[in-house]
Amino acid sequence: MISDRDLVALQRKGSPFTNTPVPRESAEASLARIAQNGADMERWELVPVDSCRCCGEPAWANLRCTKHQGRTPCVVEGCKRTTKRFMTYYVCGEHWKAYVPPGSPERRVLNRLARTAKKLGYSKTERWPDDLEARWWRAWDAIARRVHRRSTEGMMDEAEIRRMFGWADEG
């Protein structure tokens, strides 16, 4: 398995054929060997190859390898978990617990929408009214984007910020 996400293919300029995708270092070493043999370096180029968001293997146009076709990866980069359900965003259980803990404002919003549907007489398996379902998916998209942002940028510690600026005594 190729774990390097920086895959390239060595290709002759103007040719419709490409070589097997390899990590950039291997391709540059091949170019150096070609140059040592006296070939014209202007005729060769390194073409970036898309890689799967889950495992780093060479991917199709939808950024999924053959193994992960029809699967949705977790929004946290580097997480190998996927789901078979088609969703725009998916948050695996481990990252759901880490970035959206019980009692958090994000969970309260989703729970409130679920309680509203239950009061209207709908179960979890039934289709909800269009406006309520649209609110659910809008909230879910915002939460998933927030989880992705927190995983890449880190979570903000308000208590630490207050201590830094001397606001610990205030409200």
Protein backbone atom coordinates (compact mmCIF):
# COMPACT_ATOMS: atom_id res chain seq x y z
CA MET A 1 0.00 0.00 0.00
CA ILE A 2 1.30 3.44 -0.90
CA SER A 3 0.88 5.63 2.17
CA ASP A 4 2.38 8.73 0.58
CA ARG A 5 -0.38 11.12 -0.47
CA ASP A 6 1.97 13.00 -2.81
CA LEU A 7 1.76 10.70 -5.82
CA VAL A 8 3.01 11.64 -9.28
CA ALA A 9 3.35 9.92 -12.63
CA LEU A 10 6.34 10.42 -14.92
CA GLN A 11 5.03 11.31 -18.38
CA ARG A 12 6.49 12.32 -21.70
CA LYS A 13 5.06 15.73 -22.68
CA GLY A 14 2.29 15.46 -25.25
CA SER A 15 1.86 11.72 -24.71
CA PRO A 16 -1.56 10.39 -23.70
CA PHE A 17 0.10 7.56 -21.75
CA THR A 18 1.35 7.80 -18.17
CA ASN A 19 3.49 5.55 -16.04
CA THR A 20 2.40 3.93 -12.80
CA PRO A 21 1.87 6.46 -9.97
CA VAL A 22 4.80 6.56 -7.55
CA PRO A 23 5.84 8.81 -4.65
CA ARG A 24 7.45 12.09 -5.74
CA GLU A 25 10.92 11.09 -4.47
CA SER A 26 10.96 7.95 -6.66
CA ALA A 27 9.86 9.91 -9.72
CA GLU A 28 12.55 12.55 -9.15
CA ALA A 29 15.16 9.80 -8.81
CA SER A 30 13.96 8.35 -12.15
CA LEU A 31 14.27 11.80 -13.75
CA ALA A 32 17.83 12.06 -12.42
CA ARG A 33 18.69 8.69 -13.98
CA ILE A 34 17.18 9.82 -17.30
CA ALA A 35 19.28 13.01 -17.15
CA GLN A 36 22.46 10.99 -16.47
CA ASN A 37 21.80 8.97 -19.63
CA GLY A 38 21.80 12.18 -21.65
CA ALA A 39 18.09 12.38 -22.49
CA ASP A 40 16.35 15.71 -23.12
CA MET A 41 14.78 16.68 -19.77
CA GLU A 42 12.40 19.17 -21.40
CA ARG A 43 10.41 16.26 -22.84
CA TRP A 44 9.46 14.82 -19.42
CA GLU A 45 7.09 16.08 -16.75
CA LEU A 46 5.75 14.98 -13.38
CA VAL A 47 1.95 14.80 -13.41
CA PRO A 48 0.19 14.86 -9.99
CA VAL A 49 -2.09 11.90 -9.37
CA ASP A 50 -5.19 12.19 -7.19
CA SER A 51 -5.08 10.01 -4.09
CA CYS A 52 -7.84 8.53 -1.96
CA ARG A 53 -8.85 10.63 1.05
CA CYS A 54 -9.05 7.50 3.20
CA CYS A 55 -5.92 5.48 2.49
CA GLY A 56 -3.71 7.42 0.06
CA GLU A 57 -3.93 4.89 -2.79
CA PRO A 58 -4.29 6.22 -6.37
CA ALA A 59 -7.88 7.41 -6.80
CA TRP A 60 -10.52 7.97 -9.43
CA ALA A 61 -11.93 11.41 -10.26
CA ASN A 62 -14.14 11.40 -7.12
CA LEU A 63 -11.03 11.09 -4.87
CA ARG A 64 -11.86 7.50 -3.85
CA CYS A 65 -9.78 4.42 -4.64
CA THR A 66 -11.40 1.25 -5.95
CA LYS A 67 -11.70 -0.12 -2.40
CA HIS A 68 -13.50 3.00 -1.09
CA GLN A 69 -15.90 3.60 -4.00
CA GLY A 70 -19.41 4.14 -2.65
CA ARG A 71 -18.19 4.99 0.86
CA THR A 72 -18.11 8.30 2.72
CA PRO A 73 -14.98 9.01 4.82
CA CYS A 74 -14.93 10.71 8.22
CA VAL A 75 -14.50 14.50 7.99
CA VAL A 76 -11.41 14.36 10.22
CA GLU A 77 -8.33 14.15 8.01
CA GLY A 78 -6.27 11.03 8.55
CA CYS A 79 -9.18 9.04 9.99
CA LYS A 80 -9.55 5.70 8.21
CA ARG A 81 -13.21 5.12 9.15
CA THR A 82 -15.88 5.24 6.47
CA THR A 83 -19.61 4.58 6.17
CA LYS A 84 -21.56 2.90 3.42
CA ARG A 85 -24.42 5.39 3.74
CA PHE A 86 -24.25 8.21 1.21
CA MET A 87 -23.85 11.47 3.11
CA THR A 88 -22.23 14.78 2.36
CA TYR A 89 -20.43 14.68 5.71
CA TYR A 90 -19.78 11.77 8.06
CA VAL A 91 -18.33 11.94 11.57
CA CYS A 92 -17.21 8.60 13.03
CA GLY A 93 -18.15 7.68 16.61
CA GLU A 94 -14.71 8.36 18.06
CA HIS A 95 -14.53 11.89 16.66
CA TRP A 96 -18.21 12.55 17.43
CA LYS A 97 -17.50 11.90 21.12
CA ALA A 98 -14.27 13.91 21.06
CA TYR A 99 -15.47 17.03 19.21
CA VAL A 100 -19.21 17.04 20.05
CA PRO A 101 -19.38 15.90 23.70
CA PRO A 102 -22.69 15.16 25.45
CA GLY A 103 -24.40 18.35 26.58
CA SER A 104 -22.62 20.50 23.99
CA PRO A 105 -24.63 23.18 22.15
CA GLU A 106 -24.32 21.21 18.90
CA ARG A 107 -25.88 18.10 20.41
CA ARG A 108 -28.61 20.16 22.06
CA VAL A 109 -29.64 21.55 18.66
CA LEU A 110 -29.95 18.09 17.11
CA ASN A 111 -31.77 16.74 20.18
CA ARG A 112 -34.19 19.66 20.09
CA LEU A 113 -35.01 18.97 16.44
CA ALA A 114 -35.51 15.26 17.21
CA ARG A 115 -37.83 16.12 20.13
CA THR A 116 -39.81 18.44 17.88
CA ALA A 117 -40.28 15.63 15.34
CA LYS A 118 -41.30 13.24 18.11
CA LYS A 119 -43.89 15.73 19.41
CA LEU A 120 -45.32 15.94 15.89
CA GLY A 121 -45.71 12.14 15.93
CA TYR A 122 -42.82 11.12 13.69
CA SER A 123 -40.43 8.27 14.47
CA LYS A 124 -36.74 8.15 13.57
CA THR A 125 -37.41 5.99 10.51
CA GLU A 126 -40.21 8.11 9.02
CA ARG A 127 -39.72 11.11 6.77
CA TRP A 128 -40.10 14.35 8.69
CA PRO A 129 -41.84 17.46 7.32
CA ASP A 130 -39.68 19.20 4.72
CA ASP A 131 -38.97 22.32 6.78
CA LEU A 132 -37.94 20.30 9.86
CA GLU A 133 -35.79 17.93 7.81
CA ALA A 134 -34.11 20.89 6.08
CA ARG A 135 -33.33 22.39 9.50
CA TRP A 136 -31.86 19.04 10.64
CA TRP A 137 -29.55 18.74 7.62
CA ARG A 138 -28.51 22.38 7.82
CA ALA A 139 -27.58 21.87 11.49
CA TRP A 140 -25.80 18.57 10.68
CA ASP A 141 -23.75 20.21 7.91
CA ALA A 142 -22.73 23.05 10.23
CA ILE A 143 -21.73 20.59 12.97
CA ALA A 144 -19.70 18.41 10.58
CA ARG A 145 -17.90 21.46 9.18
CA ARG A 146 -17.19 22.61 12.76
CA VAL A 147 -15.77 19.16 13.64
CA HIS A 148 -13.53 19.32 10.56
CA ARG A 149 -12.35 22.82 11.47
CA ARG A 150 -11.68 21.87 15.10
CA SER A 151 -9.71 18.81 14.02
CA THR A 152 -7.44 20.84 11.75
CA GLU A 153 -7.16 24.12 13.69
CA GLY A 154 -7.66 22.90 17.27
CA MET A 155 -10.28 23.77 19.84
CA MET A 156 -10.34 27.19 21.49
CA ASP A 157 -9.90 27.13 25.28
CA GLU A 158 -11.83 30.14 26.60
CA ALA A 159 -10.60 29.66 30.18
CA GLU A 160 -6.97 29.81 29.01
CA ILE A 161 -7.67 32.98 27.00
CA ARG A 162 -9.25 34.63 30.05
CA ARG A 163 -6.21 33.76 32.18
CA MET A 164 -3.84 35.13 29.52
CA PHE A 165 -5.57 38.50 29.37
CA GLY A 166 -6.32 38.74 33.08
CA TRP A 167 -10.08 38.38 32.64
CA ALA A 168 -10.33 35.41 35.00
CA ASP A 169 -11.97 37.59 37.67
CA GLU A 170 -14.69 38.85 35.35
CA GLY A 171 -18.03 37.11 34.59
